[in-house]
Each structure stands twice: as structure tokens, then as C-alpha cells.
Amino acid sequence: MRINILREVQLGETRVAIIPDGVARLVKHGADVDVEAGLGQEAGFRDEAYAAVGARVVADRQALLASADLLLRLHKPAAEEVSLLKSGCIHVSFLNPLRPQSSFSN
């Protein structure tokens, strides 16, 4: 199973969907884990920390969206990202229907 984790793009967001210890557990159980470059930067986790526990660090956000069997993030996807998701992908995030899409910085 390919589990991909995206960095958050909302202004002021410093949390991450998973820390390196969590990635290590997923890898230990046989998951292939890709993380977006810069995933943990705002929370104090360097890309090297994710790579050291078995994640592959990927700079191409669209490739991560297109290849995930399971996609982890904190916030719901921007409308333009939904069409990029691989068919059958399970998207795991908090859903807040009252949060406007204009809060995205990308």
C-alpha cells in the first residue's frame, strides 16, 4: 500500500499529519510511504528525519496526489486537487465544511 502525506499549505499552519515516529511504524508494517518535501519543516521535523525512517521524500505534489492509495493530511483538499486523486484513493483528513477555500495559500 502506498501512503502519501502532503504538507499543509494553509497560512499559519504549523501542524503535520504525521511525525517521523509514525512513519517508522507504517514502514515497519510494510507500507510504502512518500512524504512531500518540507512536510515537517514548520513543526521542526526535517526531510532527512522522514527519510531516515524509510519514507521517500518527493517534491512533486501532483505526483503524490496521483499515486496514493491512502492520502493523509490535516485539511480538506482544495477543489482543484480532488480531480488529481487516483481512482479509489482513500483521503484522510479533518473535514470542516465551514472553512472557506480562500484560506489556501497555493
N, C-alpha and C. Protein backbone atom coordinates (compact mmCIF):
# COMPACT_ATOMS: atom_id res chain seq x y z
N MET A 1 0.84 -1.17 0.00
CA MET A 1 0.00 0.00 0.00
C MET A 1 0.89 1.24 0.00
N ARG A 2 0.56 2.17 -0.85
CA ARG A 2 1.29 3.44 -0.94
C ARG A 2 0.54 4.47 -0.12
N ILE A 3 1.19 4.95 0.95
CA ILE A 3 0.63 6.00 1.79
C ILE A 3 1.42 7.27 1.54
N ASN A 4 0.73 8.30 1.09
CA ASN A 4 1.38 9.58 0.81
C ASN A 4 0.88 10.62 1.79
N ILE A 5 1.79 11.49 2.22
CA ILE A 5 1.44 12.53 3.18
C ILE A 5 1.85 13.87 2.60
N LEU A 6 0.88 14.78 2.53
CA LEU A 6 1.13 16.11 1.97
C LEU A 6 1.42 17.12 3.06
N ARG A 7 2.25 18.11 2.72
CA ARG A 7 2.48 19.22 3.63
C ARG A 7 1.25 20.13 3.57
N GLU A 8 1.01 20.83 4.65
CA GLU A 8 -0.12 21.74 4.70
C GLU A 8 0.25 23.06 4.05
N VAL A 9 -0.67 23.64 3.30
CA VAL A 9 -0.40 24.88 2.58
C VAL A 9 -1.18 26.07 3.12
N GLN A 10 -1.94 25.86 4.18
CA GLN A 10 -2.71 26.94 4.76
C GLN A 10 -1.79 27.90 5.50
N LEU A 11 -2.05 29.18 5.36
CA LEU A 11 -1.25 30.19 6.03
C LEU A 11 -1.31 29.99 7.54
N GLY A 12 -0.16 29.99 8.18
CA GLY A 12 -0.08 29.87 9.62
C GLY A 12 -0.18 28.46 10.17
N GLU A 13 -0.37 27.46 9.32
CA GLU A 13 -0.49 26.07 9.81
C GLU A 13 0.89 25.52 10.11
N THR A 14 1.10 25.06 11.33
CA THR A 14 2.39 24.51 11.73
C THR A 14 2.32 23.04 12.08
N ARG A 15 1.12 22.45 12.06
CA ARG A 15 0.98 21.04 12.40
C ARG A 15 1.27 20.16 11.19
N VAL A 16 1.54 18.89 11.46
CA VAL A 16 1.74 17.91 10.39
C VAL A 16 0.81 16.72 10.64
N ALA A 17 0.47 16.01 9.57
CA ALA A 17 -0.41 14.86 9.69
C ALA A 17 0.29 13.68 10.35
N ILE A 18 1.61 13.63 10.27
CA ILE A 18 2.36 12.52 10.87
C ILE A 18 3.79 12.97 11.13
N ILE A 19 4.36 12.48 12.22
CA ILE A 19 5.76 12.77 12.55
C ILE A 19 6.60 11.56 12.16
N PRO A 20 7.92 11.70 12.12
CA PRO A 20 8.76 10.59 11.70
C PRO A 20 8.51 9.29 12.47
N ASP A 21 8.24 9.33 13.76
CA ASP A 21 7.97 8.09 14.51
C ASP A 21 6.76 7.35 13.94
N GLY A 22 5.75 8.08 13.53
CA GLY A 22 4.57 7.45 12.93
C GLY A 22 4.88 6.83 11.59
N VAL A 23 5.72 7.50 10.82
CA VAL A 23 6.15 6.94 9.53
C VAL A 23 6.91 5.64 9.76
N ALA A 24 7.77 5.62 10.75
CA ALA A 24 8.55 4.42 11.06
C ALA A 24 7.63 3.24 11.34
N ARG A 25 6.55 3.47 12.06
CA ARG A 25 5.59 2.40 12.36
C ARG A 25 4.90 1.89 11.10
N LEU A 26 4.52 2.80 10.22
CA LEU A 26 3.87 2.39 8.97
C LEU A 26 4.83 1.55 8.11
N VAL A 27 6.06 2.01 8.01
CA VAL A 27 7.07 1.29 7.22
C VAL A 27 7.33 -0.08 7.84
N LYS A 28 7.40 -0.14 9.15
CA LYS A 28 7.63 -1.42 9.84
C LYS A 28 6.54 -2.43 9.50
N HIS A 29 5.33 -1.96 9.26
CA HIS A 29 4.21 -2.84 8.93
C HIS A 29 4.06 -3.05 7.42
N GLY A 30 5.05 -2.63 6.65
CA GLY A 30 5.08 -2.94 5.23
C GLY A 30 4.54 -1.89 4.28
N ALA A 31 4.18 -0.71 4.77
CA ALA A 31 3.67 0.34 3.89
C ALA A 31 4.81 1.03 3.16
N ASP A 32 4.54 1.43 1.95
CA ASP A 32 5.44 2.32 1.21
C ASP A 32 4.96 3.73 1.50
N VAL A 33 5.82 4.57 2.05
CA VAL A 33 5.42 5.91 2.48
C VAL A 33 6.21 6.96 1.72
N ASP A 34 5.47 7.88 1.09
CA ASP A 34 6.06 9.04 0.44
C ASP A 34 5.57 10.28 1.18
N VAL A 35 6.48 11.20 1.46
CA VAL A 35 6.10 12.46 2.09
C VAL A 35 6.49 13.61 1.18
N GLU A 36 5.68 14.65 1.20
CA GLU A 36 6.01 15.81 0.39
C GLU A 36 7.19 16.55 1.01
N ALA A 37 8.12 16.97 0.18
CA ALA A 37 9.27 17.73 0.66
C ALA A 37 8.79 18.92 1.49
N GLY A 38 9.41 19.13 2.63
CA GLY A 38 9.03 20.22 3.50
C GLY A 38 7.88 19.91 4.44
N LEU A 39 7.42 18.65 4.44
CA LEU A 39 6.27 18.25 5.25
C LEU A 39 6.37 18.74 6.68
N GLY A 40 7.45 18.47 7.36
CA GLY A 40 7.55 18.78 8.78
C GLY A 40 8.30 20.05 9.12
N GLN A 41 8.67 20.81 8.13
CA GLN A 41 9.51 21.99 8.34
C GLN A 41 8.93 22.95 9.38
N GLU A 42 7.66 23.27 9.29
CA GLU A 42 7.05 24.22 10.22
C GLU A 42 6.90 23.64 11.63
N ALA A 43 6.95 22.32 11.75
CA ALA A 43 6.81 21.67 13.05
C ALA A 43 8.15 21.23 13.63
N GLY A 44 9.24 21.54 12.93
CA GLY A 44 10.57 21.22 13.43
C GLY A 44 11.10 19.86 13.02
N PHE A 45 10.51 19.23 11.99
CA PHE A 45 10.99 17.94 11.50
C PHE A 45 11.57 18.13 10.10
N ARG A 46 12.82 17.76 9.94
CA ARG A 46 13.48 17.91 8.64
C ARG A 46 13.16 16.73 7.73
N ASP A 47 13.28 16.96 6.43
CA ASP A 47 13.06 15.89 5.46
C ASP A 47 13.95 14.68 5.75
N GLU A 48 15.16 14.93 6.21
CA GLU A 48 16.10 13.86 6.50
C GLU A 48 15.59 12.93 7.60
N ALA A 49 14.81 13.48 8.54
CA ALA A 49 14.25 12.65 9.62
C ALA A 49 13.23 11.67 9.06
N TYR A 50 12.45 12.11 8.09
CA TYR A 50 11.48 11.21 7.46
C TYR A 50 12.20 10.16 6.60
N ALA A 51 13.22 10.59 5.86
CA ALA A 51 13.97 9.65 5.02
C ALA A 51 14.69 8.61 5.88
N ALA A 52 15.19 9.01 7.04
CA ALA A 52 15.92 8.10 7.91
C ALA A 52 15.07 6.95 8.43
N VAL A 53 13.75 7.14 8.48
CA VAL A 53 12.86 6.07 8.98
C VAL A 53 12.17 5.32 7.83
N GLY A 54 12.59 5.60 6.60
CA GLY A 54 12.10 4.81 5.48
C GLY A 54 11.15 5.48 4.52
N ALA A 55 10.84 6.75 4.72
CA ALA A 55 9.97 7.46 3.78
C ALA A 55 10.79 7.94 2.59
N ARG A 56 10.11 8.05 1.49
CA ARG A 56 10.72 8.68 0.31
C ARG A 56 10.22 10.12 0.28
N VAL A 57 11.13 11.08 0.18
CA VAL A 57 10.77 12.50 0.14
C VAL A 57 10.60 12.91 -1.32
N VAL A 58 9.40 13.44 -1.63
CA VAL A 58 9.04 13.75 -3.02
C VAL A 58 8.65 15.22 -3.12
N ALA A 59 9.20 15.92 -4.10
CA ALA A 59 8.89 17.33 -4.27
C ALA A 59 7.65 17.57 -5.14
N ASP A 60 7.25 16.59 -5.93
CA ASP A 60 6.15 16.75 -6.89
C ASP A 60 4.81 16.45 -6.23
N ARG A 61 4.09 17.49 -5.81
CA ARG A 61 2.81 17.35 -5.12
C ARG A 61 1.78 16.64 -5.99
N GLN A 62 1.72 16.97 -7.27
CA GLN A 62 0.75 16.33 -8.17
C GLN A 62 1.02 14.84 -8.29
N ALA A 63 2.28 14.44 -8.33
CA ALA A 63 2.61 13.01 -8.39
C ALA A 63 2.16 12.30 -7.11
N LEU A 64 2.30 12.95 -5.97
CA LEU A 64 1.84 12.36 -4.71
C LEU A 64 0.32 12.18 -4.71
N LEU A 65 -0.39 13.16 -5.21
CA LEU A 65 -1.84 13.07 -5.29
C LEU A 65 -2.27 11.93 -6.22
N ALA A 66 -1.57 11.79 -7.33
CA ALA A 66 -1.96 10.82 -8.35
C ALA A 66 -1.59 9.38 -8.01
N SER A 67 -0.64 9.18 -7.10
CA SER A 67 -0.15 7.82 -6.85
C SER A 67 -0.59 7.21 -5.52
N ALA A 68 -1.27 7.96 -4.67
CA ALA A 68 -1.59 7.48 -3.32
C ALA A 68 -2.74 6.48 -3.31
N ASP A 69 -2.54 5.40 -2.57
CA ASP A 69 -3.67 4.52 -2.22
C ASP A 69 -4.39 5.10 -1.01
N LEU A 70 -3.60 5.72 -0.12
CA LEU A 70 -4.12 6.38 1.08
C LEU A 70 -3.38 7.70 1.20
N LEU A 71 -4.11 8.79 1.32
CA LEU A 71 -3.52 10.12 1.39
C LEU A 71 -3.85 10.73 2.75
N LEU A 72 -2.82 11.16 3.47
CA LEU A 72 -3.00 11.77 4.78
C LEU A 72 -2.67 13.25 4.73
N ARG A 73 -3.50 14.04 5.39
CA ARG A 73 -3.25 15.47 5.55
C ARG A 73 -4.17 15.97 6.63
N LEU A 74 -3.99 17.20 7.08
CA LEU A 74 -4.85 17.76 8.12
C LEU A 74 -6.13 18.37 7.57
N HIS A 75 -6.01 19.09 6.47
CA HIS A 75 -7.13 19.86 5.93
C HIS A 75 -7.71 19.22 4.68
N LYS A 76 -8.95 19.53 4.42
CA LYS A 76 -9.60 19.00 3.22
C LYS A 76 -8.85 19.50 1.98
N PRO A 77 -8.97 18.78 0.89
CA PRO A 77 -8.24 19.18 -0.32
C PRO A 77 -8.87 20.41 -0.96
N ALA A 78 -8.05 21.17 -1.61
CA ALA A 78 -8.55 22.26 -2.46
C ALA A 78 -9.32 21.62 -3.61
N ALA A 79 -10.32 22.29 -4.09
CA ALA A 79 -11.18 21.74 -5.14
C ALA A 79 -10.38 21.27 -6.35
N GLU A 80 -9.34 22.01 -6.72
CA GLU A 80 -8.56 21.63 -7.91
C GLU A 80 -7.71 20.38 -7.67
N GLU A 81 -7.49 19.99 -6.41
CA GLU A 81 -6.72 18.78 -6.13
C GLU A 81 -7.56 17.51 -6.17
N VAL A 82 -8.85 17.63 -5.99
CA VAL A 82 -9.72 16.44 -5.95
C VAL A 82 -9.63 15.66 -7.25
N SER A 83 -9.64 16.35 -8.37
CA SER A 83 -9.60 15.67 -9.67
C SER A 83 -8.25 15.00 -9.93
N LEU A 84 -7.23 15.35 -9.18
CA LEU A 84 -5.91 14.75 -9.35
C LEU A 84 -5.74 13.44 -8.59
N LEU A 85 -6.66 13.17 -7.65
CA LEU A 85 -6.55 11.95 -6.85
C LEU A 85 -6.74 10.70 -7.71
N LYS A 86 -5.95 9.71 -7.42
CA LYS A 86 -6.06 8.41 -8.09
C LYS A 86 -7.43 7.80 -7.78
N SER A 87 -8.02 7.15 -8.74
CA SER A 87 -9.31 6.49 -8.53
C SER A 87 -9.17 5.45 -7.41
N GLY A 88 -10.07 5.49 -6.45
CA GLY A 88 -10.04 4.56 -5.34
C GLY A 88 -9.19 5.01 -4.16
N CYS A 89 -8.55 6.15 -4.28
CA CYS A 89 -7.72 6.67 -3.18
C CYS A 89 -8.59 6.97 -1.97
N ILE A 90 -8.10 6.60 -0.81
CA ILE A 90 -8.77 6.96 0.45
C ILE A 90 -8.08 8.21 0.97
N HIS A 91 -8.87 9.26 1.18
CA HIS A 91 -8.35 10.54 1.63
C HIS A 91 -8.71 10.72 3.10
N VAL A 92 -7.70 10.89 3.96
CA VAL A 92 -7.94 11.01 5.40
C VAL A 92 -7.51 12.41 5.84
N SER A 93 -8.48 13.16 6.36
CA SER A 93 -8.19 14.50 6.88
C SER A 93 -9.36 14.93 7.74
N PHE A 94 -9.17 16.05 8.41
CA PHE A 94 -10.30 16.68 9.07
C PHE A 94 -11.12 17.34 7.98
N LEU A 95 -12.42 17.29 8.09
CA LEU A 95 -13.27 17.99 7.13
C LEU A 95 -14.00 19.09 7.88
N ASN A 96 -13.88 20.31 7.41
CA ASN A 96 -14.53 21.44 8.03
C ASN A 96 -15.31 22.17 6.94
N PRO A 97 -16.59 21.86 6.79
CA PRO A 97 -17.37 22.47 5.71
C PRO A 97 -17.52 23.97 5.84
N LEU A 98 -17.22 24.53 6.99
CA LEU A 98 -17.37 25.96 7.20
C LEU A 98 -16.10 26.75 6.88
N ARG A 99 -14.99 26.05 6.66
CA ARG A 99 -13.72 26.71 6.34
C ARG A 99 -13.70 27.07 4.86
N PRO A 100 -13.57 28.34 4.53
CA PRO A 100 -13.58 28.72 3.11
C PRO A 100 -12.32 28.25 2.40
N GLN A 101 -12.45 27.92 1.13
CA GLN A 101 -11.29 27.51 0.34
C GLN A 101 -10.29 28.63 0.18
N SER A 102 -10.68 29.89 0.37
CA SER A 102 -9.77 31.01 0.18
C SER A 102 -8.64 31.03 1.21
N SER A 103 -8.71 30.16 2.22
CA SER A 103 -7.66 30.12 3.22
C SER A 103 -6.42 29.39 2.74
N PHE A 104 -6.44 28.84 1.53
CA PHE A 104 -5.29 28.13 0.98
C PHE A 104 -4.34 29.12 0.38
N SER A 105 -3.06 28.88 0.57
CA SER A 105 -2.05 29.83 0.07
C SER A 105 -1.50 29.44 -1.29
N ASN A 106 -1.80 28.25 -1.79
CA ASN A 106 -1.20 27.87 -3.07
C ASN A 106 -2.10 28.20 -4.16
